[in-house]
C-alpha atoms as a PDB file:
ATOM      1  CA  MET A   1      21.027  60.971-130.538  1.00  0.00           C
ATOM      2  CA  GLY A   2      19.631  57.467-131.115  1.00  0.00           C
ATOM      3  CA  ARG A   3      21.720  54.688-132.556  1.00  0.00           C
ATOM      4  CA  GLY A   4      19.868  54.658-135.864  1.00  0.00           C
ATOM      5  CA  GLN A   5      20.016  58.445-136.448  1.00  0.00           C
ATOM      6  CA  SER A   6      22.487  60.547-138.443  1.00  0.00           C
ATOM      7  CA  LEU A   7      23.331  64.230-138.270  1.00  0.00           C
ATOM      8  CA  PRO A   8      21.665  66.397-140.961  1.00  0.00           C
ATOM      9  CA  GLY A   9      23.822  66.372-144.073  1.00  0.00           C
ATOM     10  CA  ALA A  10      25.988  63.511-142.818  1.00  0.00           C
ATOM     11  CA  ALA A  11      26.892  60.556-144.997  1.00  0.00           C
ATOM     12  CA  PRO A  12      24.455  57.627-144.698  1.00  0.00           C
ATOM     13  CA  SER A  13      25.316  55.276-141.856  1.00  0.00           C
ATOM     14  CA  TRP A  14      26.802  52.041-143.189  1.00  0.00           C
ATOM     15  CA  GLN A  15      27.351  50.252-139.877  1.00  0.00           C
ATOM     16  CA  PRO A  16      25.050  47.473-138.690  1.00  0.00           C
ATOM     17  CA  THR A  17      22.689  48.213-135.830  1.00  0.00           C
ATOM     18  CA  ALA A  18      23.088  44.761-134.256  1.00  0.00           C
ATOM     19  CA  THR A  19      26.217  43.897-132.285  1.00  0.00           C
ATOM     20  CA  ARG A  20      28.376  40.851-132.952  1.00  0.00           C
ATOM     21  CA  GLN A  21      26.967  39.325-129.750  1.00  0.00           C
ATOM     22  CA  VAL A  22      23.398  39.668-131.038  1.00  0.00           C
ATOM     23  CA  LEU A  23      24.342  38.237-134.429  1.00  0.00           C
ATOM     24  CA  GLU A  24      25.764  35.213-132.623  1.00  0.00           C
ATOM     25  CA  GLY A  25      22.496  34.979-130.684  1.00  0.00           C
ATOM     26  CA  ARG A  26      20.548  34.899-133.949  1.00  0.00           C
ATOM     27  CA  ALA A  27      22.716  32.036-135.212  1.00  0.00           C
ATOM     28  CA  ARG A  28      22.144  30.103-131.971  1.00  0.00           C
ATOM     29  CA  GLN A  29      18.402  30.720-132.241  1.00  0.00           C
ATOM     30  CA  LEU A  30      18.324  29.258-135.754  1.00  0.00           C
ATOM     31  CA  ASP A  31      20.262  26.233-134.487  1.00  0.00           C
ATOM     32  CA  TRP A  32      17.689  25.836-131.700  1.00  0.00           C
ATOM     33  CA  VAL A  33      14.765  26.001-134.138  1.00  0.00           C
ATOM     34  CA  ARG A  34      16.257  23.516-136.569  1.00  0.00           C
ATOM     35  CA  GLY A  35      17.253  21.131-133.786  1.00  0.00           C
ATOM     36  CA  PHE A  36      13.778  21.389-132.267  1.00  0.00           C
ATOM     37  CA  PHE A  37      12.065  20.321-135.477  1.00  0.00           C
ATOM     38  CA  ALA A  38      14.678  17.722-136.408  1.00  0.00           C
ATOM     39  CA  GLN A  39      13.939  15.942-133.122  1.00  0.00           C
ATOM     40  CA  ARG A  40      10.242  15.909-134.023  1.00  0.00           C
ATOM     41  CA  GLY A  41      10.650  14.733-137.602  1.00  0.00           C
ATOM     42  CA  VAL A  42       9.279  17.943-139.160  1.00  0.00           C
ATOM     43  CA  LEU A  43      10.592  18.637-142.661  1.00  0.00           C
ATOM     44  CA  GLU A  44      12.212  21.989-143.467  1.00  0.00           C
ATOM     45  CA  VAL A  45      11.026  23.444-146.793  1.00  0.00           C
ATOM     46  CA  GLU A  46      11.560  26.533-148.923  1.00  0.00           C
ATOM     47  CA  THR A  47       8.902  28.330-150.970  1.00  0.00           C
ATOM     48  CA  PRO A  48       8.971  31.462-153.180  1.00  0.00           C
ATOM     49  CA  VAL A  49       9.639  34.889-151.705  1.00  0.00           C
ATOM     50  CA  LEU A  50       8.298  36.460-154.913  1.00  0.00           C
ATOM     51  CA  GLY A  51       4.842  35.213-155.886  1.00  0.00           C
ATOM     52  CA  GLN A  52       2.188  35.869-158.514  1.00  0.00           C
ATOM     53  CA  CYS A  53      -0.378  36.646-155.780  1.00  0.00           C
ATOM     54  CA  GLY A  54      -0.311  38.525-152.526  1.00  0.00           C
ATOM     55  CA  ILE A  55      -2.976  38.392-149.811  1.00  0.00           C
ATOM     56  CA  THR A  56      -6.369  40.059-149.463  1.00  0.00           C
ATOM     57  CA  ASP A  57      -6.127  40.716-145.684  1.00  0.00           C
ATOM     58  CA  VAL A  58      -7.387  44.258-145.077  1.00  0.00           C
ATOM     59  CA  ASN A  59      -4.893  44.898-142.273  1.00  0.00           C
ATOM     60  CA  ILE A  60      -1.750  43.931-144.193  1.00  0.00           C
ATOM     61  CA  ASP A  61      -0.384  45.637-147.305  1.00  0.00           C
ATOM     62  CA  CYS A  62       1.853  43.744-149.714  1.00  0.00           C
ATOM     63  CA  ILE A  63       4.922  45.143-151.466  1.00  0.00           C
ATOM     64  CA  ALA A  64       4.542  44.959-155.240  1.00  0.00           C
ATOM     65  CA  ALA A  65       7.344  43.928-157.575  1.00  0.00           C
ATOM     66  CA  ALA A  66       7.650  44.380-161.332  1.00  0.00           C
ATOM     67  CA  PRO A  67       9.416  41.311-162.759  1.00  0.00           C
ATOM     68  CA  GLN A  68       9.982  40.863-166.481  1.00  0.00           C
ATOM     69  CA  PRO A  69       7.513  38.348-167.974  1.00  0.00           C
ATOM     70  CA  VAL A  70       8.819  34.791-168.194  1.00  0.00           C
ATOM     71  CA  ALA A  71       7.324  31.545-169.458  1.00  0.00           C
ATOM     72  CA  GLY A  72       4.201  30.782-167.452  1.00  0.00           C
ATOM     73  CA  TRP A  73       4.149  34.214-165.794  1.00  0.00           C
ATOM     74  CA  THR A  74       2.757  36.991-167.933  1.00  0.00           C
ATOM     75  CA  HIS A  75       1.556  39.311-165.149  1.00  0.00           C
ATOM     76  CA  SER A  76       3.189  42.724-164.960  1.00  0.00           C
ATOM     77  CA  THR A  77       3.053  42.674-161.165  1.00  0.00           C
ATOM     78  CA  GLY A  78       4.339  40.210-158.588  1.00  0.00           C
ATOM     79  CA  TRP A  79       4.266  40.365-154.816  1.00  0.00           C
ATOM     80  CA  LEU A  80       6.858  39.911-152.117  1.00  0.00           C
ATOM     81  CA  GLN A  81       5.240  37.409-149.781  1.00  0.00           C
ATOM     82  CA  THR A  82       3.883  38.511-146.404  1.00  0.00           C
ATOM     83  CA  SER A  83       3.983  34.873-145.251  1.00  0.00           C
ATOM     84  CA  PRO A  84       4.812  31.524-146.854  1.00  0.00           C
ATOM     85  CA  GLU A  85       1.352  30.259-145.842  1.00  0.00           C
ATOM     86  CA  TYR A  86      -0.302  29.827-149.235  1.00  0.00           C
ATOM     87  CA  HIS A  87       2.624  27.991-150.785  1.00  0.00           C
ATOM     88  CA  MET A  88       3.055  25.788-147.713  1.00  0.00           C
ATOM     89  CA  LYS A  89      -0.610  24.819-147.806  1.00  0.00           C
ATOM     90  CA  ARG A  90      -0.149  23.745-151.409  1.00  0.00           C
ATOM     91  CA  LEU A  91       2.675  21.484-150.233  1.00  0.00           C
ATOM     92  CA  LEU A  92       0.417  20.074-147.510  1.00  0.00           C
ATOM     93  CA  ALA A  93      -2.302  19.351-150.068  1.00  0.00           C
ATOM     94  CA  ALA A  94       0.303  17.520-152.162  1.00  0.00           C
ATOM     95  CA  GLY A  95       1.107  15.221-149.219  1.00  0.00           C
ATOM     96  CA  SER A  96       4.181  16.820-147.679  1.00  0.00           C
ATOM     97  CA  GLY A  97       3.290  15.901-144.105  1.00  0.00           C
ATOM     98  CA  SER A  98       4.466  18.122-141.226  1.00  0.00           C
ATOM     99  CA  ILE A  99       6.606  20.999-142.508  1.00  0.00           C
ATOM    100  CA  TYR A 100       8.295  24.174-141.293  1.00  0.00           C
ATOM    101  CA  GLN A 101      10.060  27.104-142.900  1.00  0.00           C
ATOM    102  CA  VAL A 102      12.321  29.971-141.840  1.00  0.00           C
ATOM    103  CA  SER A 103      11.770  32.778-144.321  1.00  0.00           C
ATOM    104  CA  HIS A 104      12.151  36.490-144.924  1.00  0.00           C
ATOM    105  CA  VAL A 105       8.754  38.120-145.449  1.00  0.00           C
ATOM    106  CA  PHE A 106       7.621  41.631-146.331  1.00  0.00           C
ATOM    107  CA  ARG A 107       4.851  44.000-145.246  1.00  0.00           C
ATOM    108  CA  ASN A 108       4.491  47.432-146.764  1.00  0.00           C
ATOM    109  CA  GLY A 109       4.833  50.521-144.575  1.00  0.00           C
ATOM    110  CA  GLU A 110       5.425  48.694-141.295  1.00  0.00           C
ATOM    111  CA  ARG A 111       8.218  50.330-139.296  1.00  0.00           C
ATOM    112  CA  GLY A 112       8.431  50.876-135.546  1.00  0.00           C
ATOM    113  CA  ARG A 113      10.042  49.510-132.398  1.00  0.00           C
ATOM    114  CA  ARG A 114       8.678  46.036-133.174  1.00  0.00           C
ATOM    115  CA  HIS A 115       8.185  46.282-136.942  1.00  0.00           C
ATOM    116  CA  ASN A 116      10.391  46.380-140.019  1.00  0.00           C
ATOM    117  CA  PRO A 117       9.149  46.047-143.632  1.00  0.00           C
ATOM    118  CA  GLU A 118      11.335  42.923-144.005  1.00  0.00           C
ATOM    119  CA  PHE A 119      11.522  40.456-141.147  1.00  0.00           C
ATOM    120  CA  SER A 120      12.187  36.806-140.294  1.00  0.00           C
ATOM    121  CA  LEU A 121       9.259  34.447-139.836  1.00  0.00           C
ATOM    122  CA  LEU A 122       9.079  30.863-138.644  1.00  0.00           C
ATOM    123  CA  GLU A 123       5.994  29.089-139.940  1.00  0.00           C
ATOM    124  CA  TRP A 124       4.970  25.462-139.451  1.00  0.00           C
ATOM    125  CA  TYR A 125       2.039  23.111-140.020  1.00  0.00           C
ATOM    126  CA  ARG A 126       0.967  19.917-138.283  1.00  0.00           C
ATOM    127  CA  PRO A 127      -1.485  17.643-140.166  1.00  0.00           C
ATOM    128  CA  GLY A 128      -3.959  15.920-137.871  1.00  0.00           C
ATOM    129  CA  TRP A 129      -3.536  18.498-135.092  1.00  0.00           C
ATOM    130  CA  ASN A 130      -5.912  21.147-133.757  1.00  0.00           C
ATOM    131  CA  ASP A 131      -5.138  24.532-132.205  1.00  0.00           C
ATOM    132  CA  GLU A 132      -4.904  23.154-128.662  1.00  0.00           C
ATOM    133  CA  GLN A 133      -2.260  20.612-129.665  1.00  0.00           C
ATOM    134  CA  LEU A 134      -0.272  23.192-131.601  1.00  0.00           C
ATOM    135  CA  MET A 135      -0.227  25.546-128.607  1.00  0.00           C
ATOM    136  CA  ASP A 136       1.561  22.812-126.665  1.00  0.00           C
ATOM    137  CA  GLU A 137       4.310  22.678-129.292  1.00  0.00           C
ATOM    138  CA  VAL A 138       4.594  26.461-129.573  1.00  0.00           C
ATOM    139  CA  ALA A 139       5.029  26.610-125.797  1.00  0.00           C
ATOM    140  CA  ALA A 140       7.756  23.957-125.914  1.00  0.00           C
ATOM    141  CA  LEU A 141       9.719  25.828-128.584  1.00  0.00           C
ATOM    142  CA  VAL A 142       9.360  29.348-127.189  1.00  0.00           C
ATOM    143  CA  CYS A 143       9.605  28.620-123.478  1.00  0.00           C
ATOM    144  CA  GLY A 144      12.428  26.148-124.028  1.00  0.00           C
ATOM    145  CA  TRP A 145      14.443  28.813-125.840  1.00  0.00           C
ATOM    146  CA  LEU A 146      13.606  31.652-123.445  1.00  0.00           C
ATOM    147  CA  GLY A 147      13.665  29.586-120.263  1.00  0.00           C
ATOM    148  CA  ALA A 148      10.154  30.863-119.514  1.00  0.00           C
ATOM    149  CA  PRO A 149       7.392  29.128-117.519  1.00  0.00           C
ATOM    150  CA  GLU A 150       4.521  27.297-119.197  1.00  0.00           C
ATOM    151  CA  PRO A 151       2.007  29.769-120.701  1.00  0.00           C
ATOM    152  CA  GLU A 152      -1.493  30.177-119.364  1.00  0.00           C
ATOM    153  CA  ARG A 153      -4.440  30.184-121.777  1.00  0.00           C
ATOM    154  CA  MET A 154      -7.111  32.882-121.644  1.00  0.00           C
ATOM    155  CA  SER A 155      -9.937  33.692-124.038  1.00  0.00           C
ATOM    156  CA  TYR A 156     -10.100  36.957-125.966  1.00  0.00           C
ATOM    157  CA  ARG A 157     -13.484  37.616-124.387  1.00  0.00           C
ATOM    158  CA  GLN A 158     -12.191  37.079-120.850  1.00  0.00           C
ATOM    159  CA  LEU A 159      -9.230  39.414-121.369  1.00  0.00           C
ATOM    160  CA  MET A 160     -11.286  42.203-122.956  1.00  0.00           C
ATOM    161  CA  ARG A 161     -13.765  42.046-120.093  1.00  0.00           C
ATOM    162  CA  SER A 162     -11.084  42.177-117.392  1.00  0.00           C
ATOM    163  CA  HIS A 163      -8.733  44.765-118.950  1.00  0.00           C
ATOM    164  CA  ALA A 164     -11.080  46.940-121.031  1.00  0.00           C
ATOM    165  CA  GLY A 165     -14.403  46.507-119.234  1.00  0.00           C
ATOM    166  CA  LEU A 166     -16.394  45.504-122.314  1.00  0.00           C
ATOM    167  CA  ASP A 167     -17.717  42.328-123.846  1.00  0.00           C
ATOM    168  CA  PRO A 168     -16.314  42.047-127.387  1.00  0.00           C
ATOM    169  CA  MET A 169     -18.983  39.537-128.395  1.00  0.00           C
ATOM    170  CA  THR A 170     -22.029  41.612-127.437  1.00  0.00           C
ATOM    171  CA  ALA A 171     -20.932  45.281-127.372  1.00  0.00           C
ATOM    172  CA  ASP A 172     -22.548  47.342-130.158  1.00  0.00           C
ATOM    173  CA  LEU A 173     -20.628  49.709-132.430  1.00  0.00           C
ATOM    174  CA  PRO A 174     -21.517  52.932-130.509  1.00  0.00           C
ATOM    175  CA  GLU A 175     -20.198  51.382-127.277  1.00  0.00           C
ATOM    176  CA  LEU A 176     -17.004  50.309-128.997  1.00  0.00           C
ATOM    177  CA  ARG A 177     -16.518  53.713-130.589  1.00  0.00           C
ATOM    178  CA  ASN A 178     -16.995  55.393-127.209  1.00  0.00           C
ATOM    179  CA  ALA A 179     -14.266  53.152-125.797  1.00  0.00           C
ATOM    180  CA  CYS A 180     -11.977  54.126-128.685  1.00  0.00           C
ATOM    181  CA  TYR A 181     -12.730  57.831-128.246  1.00  0.00           C
ATOM    182  CA  SER A 182     -11.723  57.607-124.586  1.00  0.00           C
ATOM    183  CA  LEU A 183      -8.378  56.227-125.764  1.00  0.00           C
ATOM    184  CA  THR A 184      -7.681  58.595-128.665  1.00  0.00           C
ATOM    185  CA  GLY A 185      -9.792  61.713-128.183  1.00  0.00           C
ATOM    186  CA  ASP A 186     -10.078  61.805-131.985  1.00  0.00           C
ATOM    187  CA  ALA A 187     -13.754  61.804-132.953  1.00  0.00           C
ATOM    188  CA  ALA A 188     -13.061  62.048-136.694  1.00  0.00           C
ATOM    189  CA  LEU A 189     -10.855  58.962-136.570  1.00  0.00           C
ATOM    190  CA  VAL A 190     -13.215  56.978-134.376  1.00  0.00           C
ATOM    191  CA  ASP A 191     -16.237  57.685-136.604  1.00  0.00           C
ATOM    192  CA  GLN A 192     -14.447  55.903-139.472  1.00  0.00           C
ATOM    193  CA  LEU A 193     -13.751  52.718-137.512  1.00  0.00           C
ATOM    194  CA  ASP A 194     -15.790  49.579-138.065  1.00  0.00           C
ATOM    195  CA  ARG A 195     -16.413  47.006-135.361  1.00  0.00           C
ATOM    196  CA  ASP A 196     -13.237  44.992-135.809  1.00  0.00           C
ATOM    197  CA  SER A 197     -11.078  48.111-136.100  1.00  0.00           C
ATOM    198  CA  CYS A 198     -12.489  49.278-132.770  1.00  0.00           C
ATOM    199  CA  LEU A 199     -11.752  45.928-131.180  1.00  0.00           C
ATOM    200  CA  ASP A 200      -8.192  45.991-132.533  1.00  0.00           C
ATOM    201  CA  LEU A 201      -7.605  49.453-131.125  1.00  0.00           C
ATOM    202  CA  VAL A 202      -8.929  48.552-127.675  1.00  0.00           C
ATOM    203  CA  MET A 203      -6.930  45.325-127.701  1.00  0.00           C
ATOM    204  CA  SER A 204      -3.747  47.209-128.625  1.00  0.00           C
ATOM    205  CA  PHE A 205      -4.111  49.931-125.986  1.00  0.00           C
ATOM    206  CA  ARG A 206      -5.832  48.190-123.087  1.00  0.00           C
ATOM    207  CA  VAL A 207      -5.050  44.487-123.247  1.00  0.00           C
ATOM    208  CA  GLU A 208      -1.794  43.703-125.050  1.00  0.00           C
ATOM    209  CA  PRO A 209       0.475  45.926-122.900  1.00  0.00           C
ATOM    210  CA  ALA A 210      -0.580  43.959-119.800  1.00  0.00           C
ATOM    211  CA  LEU A 211      -0.033  40.454-121.172  1.00  0.00           C
ATOM    212  CA  GLY A 212       2.691  37.938-120.455  1.00  0.00           C
ATOM    213  CA  PHE A 213       4.710  39.565-117.684  1.00  0.00           C
ATOM    214  CA  ASP A 214       4.176  37.078-114.856  1.00  0.00           C
ATOM    215  CA  ARG A 215       4.206  34.238-117.368  1.00  0.00           C
ATOM    216  CA  PRO A 216       3.544  33.899-121.117  1.00  0.00           C
ATOM    217  CA  VAL A 217      -0.107  33.858-122.119  1.00  0.00           C
ATOM    218  CA  PHE A 218      -1.973  32.407-125.078  1.00  0.00           C
ATOM    219  CA  VAL A 219      -4.954  34.492-126.173  1.00  0.00           C
ATOM    220  CA  THR A 220      -7.562  32.137-127.626  1.00  0.00           C
ATOM    221  CA  ARG A 221     -11.087  32.083-129.118  1.00  0.00           C
ATOM    222  CA  TYR A 222     -11.078  35.327-131.101  1.00  0.00           C
ATOM    223  CA  PRO A 223     -14.346  36.729-132.501  1.00  0.00           C
ATOM    224  CA  ALA A 224     -15.412  34.901-135.663  1.00  0.00           C
ATOM    225  CA  SER A 225     -15.055  38.159-137.629  1.00  0.00           C
ATOM    226  CA  GLN A 226     -11.304  37.970-136.942  1.00  0.00           C
ATOM    227  CA  ALA A 227     -10.894  34.375-138.040  1.00  0.00           C
ATOM    228  CA  ALA A 228      -8.712  35.085-141.109  1.00  0.00           C
ATOM    229  CA  LEU A 229      -7.878  31.530-142.235  1.00  0.00           C
ATOM    230  CA  ALA A 230      -9.095  29.734-139.094  1.00  0.00           C
ATOM    231  CA  ARG A 231     -12.151  27.538-138.723  1.00  0.00           C
ATOM    232  CA  ILE A 232     -15.108  28.742-136.652  1.00  0.00           C
ATOM    233  CA  SER A 233     -17.269  27.065-134.024  1.00  0.00           C
ATOM    234  CA  GLU A 234     -19.935  28.060-131.505  1.00  0.00           C
ATOM    235  CA  GLU A 235     -18.985  28.504-127.885  1.00  0.00           C
ATOM    236  CA  GLY A 236     -21.121  30.002-125.119  1.00  0.00           C
ATOM    237  CA  GLY A 237     -23.720  31.108-127.637  1.00  0.00           C
ATOM    238  CA  CYS A 238     -21.155  33.017-129.735  1.00  0.00           C
ATOM    239  CA  LEU A 239     -19.220  32.169-132.877  1.00  0.00           C
ATOM    240  CA  VAL A 240     -15.487  32.052-132.168  1.00  0.00           C
ATOM    241  CA  ALA A 241     -12.389  31.471-134.287  1.00  0.00           C
ATOM    242  CA  HIS A 242      -9.968  28.677-133.501  1.00  0.00           C
ATOM    243  CA  ARG A 243      -7.116  31.167-133.502  1.00  0.00           C
ATOM    244  CA  PHE A 244      -4.465  31.917-130.890  1.00  0.00           C
ATOM    245  CA  GLU A 245      -1.687  34.405-130.237  1.00  0.00           C
ATOM    246  CA  LEU A 246       1.158  34.111-127.735  1.00  0.00           C
ATOM    247  CA  TYR A 247       2.291  37.113-125.684  1.00  0.00           C
ATOM    248  CA  VAL A 248       5.493  37.412-123.675  1.00  0.00           C
ATOM    249  CA  GLN A 249       6.219  40.641-121.784  1.00  0.00           C
ATOM    250  CA  GLY A 250       3.586  42.506-123.777  1.00  0.00           C
ATOM    251  CA  ILE A 251       5.015  41.365-127.128  1.00  0.00           C
ATOM    252  CA  GLU A 252       2.914  39.374-129.583  1.00  0.00           C
ATOM    253  CA  LEU A 253       5.068  36.527-130.853  1.00  0.00           C
ATOM    254  CA  CYS A 254       2.840  34.396-133.041  1.00  0.00           C
ATOM    255  CA  ASN A 255      -0.523  33.862-134.686  1.00  0.00           C
ATOM    256  CA  GLY A 256      -1.854  30.319-135.026  1.00  0.00           C
ATOM    257  CA  TYR A 257      -4.937  28.591-136.421  1.00  0.00           C
ATOM    258  CA  TRP A 258      -6.786  25.357-136.621  1.00  0.00           C
ATOM    259  CA  GLU A 259      -6.838  25.784-140.358  1.00  0.00           C
ATOM    260  CA  LEU A 260      -9.860  26.304-142.575  1.00  0.00           C
ATOM    261  CA  THR A 261      -9.941  23.604-145.267  1.00  0.00           C
ATOM    262  CA  ASP A 262     -13.161  24.543-147.106  1.00  0.00           C
ATOM    263  CA  ALA A 263     -12.381  26.119-150.494  1.00  0.00           C
ATOM    264  CA  ASP A 264     -15.821  27.713-150.911  1.00  0.00           C
ATOM    265  CA  GLU A 265     -15.699  29.338-147.484  1.00  0.00           C
ATOM    266  CA  GLN A 266     -12.161  30.550-148.162  1.00  0.00           C
ATOM    267  CA  ARG A 267     -13.238  32.145-151.459  1.00  0.00           C
ATOM    268  CA  GLN A 268     -16.072  33.932-149.664  1.00  0.00           C
ATOM    269  CA  ARG A 269     -13.602  35.320-147.124  1.00  0.00           C
ATOM    270  CA  PHE A 270     -11.288  36.532-149.886  1.00  0.00           C
ATOM    271  CA  GLU A 271     -14.222  38.255-151.596  1.00  0.00           C
ATOM    272  CA  ALA A 272     -15.319  39.849-148.304  1.00  0.00           C
ATOM    273  CA  ASP A 273     -11.775  41.140-147.766  1.00  0.00           C
ATOM    274  CA  ASN A 274     -11.720  42.753-151.205  1.00  0.00           C
ATOM    275  CA  ALA A 275     -15.143  44.302-150.631  1.00  0.00           C
ATOM    276  CA  ARG A 276     -13.817  45.879-147.446  1.00  0.00           C
ATOM    277  CA  ARG A 277     -10.695  47.026-149.300  1.00  0.00           C
ATOM    278  CA  ARG A 278     -12.903  48.842-151.804  1.00  0.00           C
ATOM    279  CA  GLU A 279     -14.757  50.567-148.951  1.00  0.00           C
ATOM    280  CA  LEU A 280     -11.459  51.746-147.478  1.00  0.00           C
ATOM    281  CA  GLY A 281     -10.073  52.922-150.816  1.00  0.00           C
ATOM    282  CA  LYS A 282      -7.410  50.231-150.807  1.00  0.00           C
ATOM    283  CA  PRO A 283      -6.497  48.314-153.976  1.00  0.00           C
ATOM    284  CA  GLU A 284      -8.166  44.976-154.464  1.00  0.00           C
ATOM    285  CA  MET A 285      -5.803  42.017-154.398  1.00  0.00           C
ATOM    286  CA  PRO A 286      -5.916  39.132-156.877  1.00  0.00           C
ATOM    287  CA  VAL A 287      -7.324  35.978-155.322  1.00  0.00           C
ATOM    288  CA  ASP A 288      -4.833  33.106-155.199  1.00  0.00           C
ATOM    289  CA  GLU A 289      -6.597  30.534-157.375  1.00  0.00           C
ATOM    290  CA  ARG A 290      -3.785  28.022-156.894  1.00  0.00           C
ATOM    291  CA  LEU A 291      -4.400  28.018-153.145  1.00  0.00           C
ATOM    292  CA  LEU A 292      -8.137  27.532-153.695  1.00  0.00           C
ATOM    293  CA  ALA A 293      -7.418  24.683-156.119  1.00  0.00           C
ATOM    294  CA  ALA A 294      -5.231  23.061-153.465  1.00  0.00           C
ATOM    295  CA  LEU A 295      -8.047  23.357-150.920  1.00  0.00           C
ATOM    296  CA  GLU A 296     -10.460  21.818-153.393  1.00  0.00           C
ATOM    297  CA  ALA A 297      -8.018  18.952-154.023  1.00  0.00           C
ATOM    298  CA  GLY A 298      -7.915  18.334-150.284  1.00  0.00           C
ATOM    299  CA  LEU A 299      -5.952  20.187-147.627  1.00  0.00           C
ATOM    300  CA  PRO A 300      -5.540  17.771-144.721  1.00  0.00           C
ATOM    301  CA  GLU A 301      -6.966  18.651-141.334  1.00  0.00           C
ATOM    302  CA  CYS A 302      -4.136  20.623-139.768  1.00  0.00           C
ATOM    303  CA  ALA A 303      -3.038  23.426-137.471  1.00  0.00           C
ATOM    304  CA  GLY A 304      -0.472  26.066-138.412  1.00  0.00           C
ATOM    305  CA  VAL A 305       1.335  28.978-136.826  1.00  0.00           C
ATOM    306  CA  ALA A 306       3.589  31.883-137.827  1.00  0.00           C
ATOM    307  CA  LEU A 307       6.109  33.149-135.261  1.00  0.00           C
ATOM    308  CA  GLY A 308       8.247  36.285-135.472  1.00  0.00           C
ATOM    309  CA  LEU A 309      11.885  35.298-134.992  1.00  0.00           C
ATOM    310  CA  ASP A 310      13.144  38.869-134.620  1.00  0.00           C
ATOM    311  CA  ARG A 311      10.754  39.485-131.725  1.00  0.00           C
ATOM    312  CA  LEU A 312      11.734  36.180-130.140  1.00  0.00           C
ATOM    313  CA  LEU A 313      15.376  37.270-130.331  1.00  0.00           C
ATOM    314  CA  MET A 314      14.492  40.657-128.819  1.00  0.00           C
ATOM    315  CA  LEU A 315      13.104  38.853-125.772  1.00  0.00           C
ATOM    316  CA  LYS A 316      16.131  36.573-125.533  1.00  0.00           C
ATOM    317  CA  CYS A 317      18.546  39.510-125.721  1.00  0.00           C
ATOM    318  CA  GLY A 318      16.515  41.788-123.458  1.00  0.00           C
ATOM    319  CA  VAL A 319      16.209  44.648-125.976  1.00  0.00           C
ATOM    320  CA  ASP A 320      13.105  46.679-126.823  1.00  0.00           C
ATOM    321  CA  ASP A 321      13.791  47.840-130.399  1.00  0.00           C
ATOM    322  CA  ILE A 322      13.861  45.520-133.390  1.00  0.00           C
ATOM    323  CA  SER A 323      16.774  47.497-134.865  1.00  0.00           C
ATOM    324  CA  GLU A 324      18.978  46.030-132.157  1.00  0.00           C
ATOM    325  CA  VAL A 325      18.509  42.488-133.505  1.00  0.00           C
ATOM    326  CA  LEU A 326      18.677  43.322-137.242  1.00  0.00           C
ATOM    327  CA  ALA A 327      21.982  43.765-139.013  1.00  0.00           C
ATOM    328  CA  PHE A 328      20.452  46.399-141.294  1.00  0.00           C
ATOM    329  CA  PRO A 329      16.915  47.699-140.684  1.00  0.00           C
ATOM    330  CA  ALA A 330      15.011  49.445-143.475  1.00  0.00           C
ATOM    331  CA  GLU A 331      16.702  52.831-143.075  1.00  0.00           C
ATOM    332  CA  ARG A 332      20.156  51.260-143.433  1.00  0.00           C
ATOM    333  CA  SER A 333      19.338  48.687-146.078  1.00  0.00           C
END
């Protein structure tokens, strides 16, 4: 019987799932992170865990809260934050300079070997930097802590071609659905997938499991349709997002961007997200007007990244289940 399981009818397990040794490792990791940024003059900040807005991202579901109304907040619903991004960008627009944050964040329904509904996230922003410069700093933090070699950098297109045998920039939807059917054998499921959902499925099954074993690897230049909050440019005749992810031993550790600063473009992306949510039968999410106001006031040119600290600790400790690095995962909370 697994460590997190109980016999039928037994009293709920009260013990932590992480050992004392792992808890000490988490404390050392936090010391490493704070020392790393202190040496670089990056300011540590704190922002709300409970906010008046969530996010519109189609692939992430927020956890709703029902706070009592208070002065200045009359909404009946609040949201546990999936990332401190929006609040941190408001600080950047107000002139904070380079900042970082270690925070607990929440994503509804996510539970598995590498997922828990509540998890620890390290997020930081560097005004005046682009995605290439930020990758250098991510590599210094992660590889310094893990004792890993310098990451290589490979484009999303290159990896999909070599591991999945398709070109993600030019393949049409029938070709992508055929690739997904060969992976799942579920025609009903595949027929409901749009282009980006197909790409995500192929990436998850064919590409990600092979990444970062000889050395860490940055995946760069995602399709423009997967830009999220990143800026877009043309490269090789295709529109690509200035977005990157770092993989170590098949584990995705972080998601970084050369940040979009255009308020009008950001509003259009929020509206497109909500349109897609309606198509999927998901609830629309309120648009964060305070973030858009901050962008209009002037978000400085910057690059930002969010890194999963629990996954980083899993790699450091050599374990393959997130429960082993959490004191109390969801089922024991």
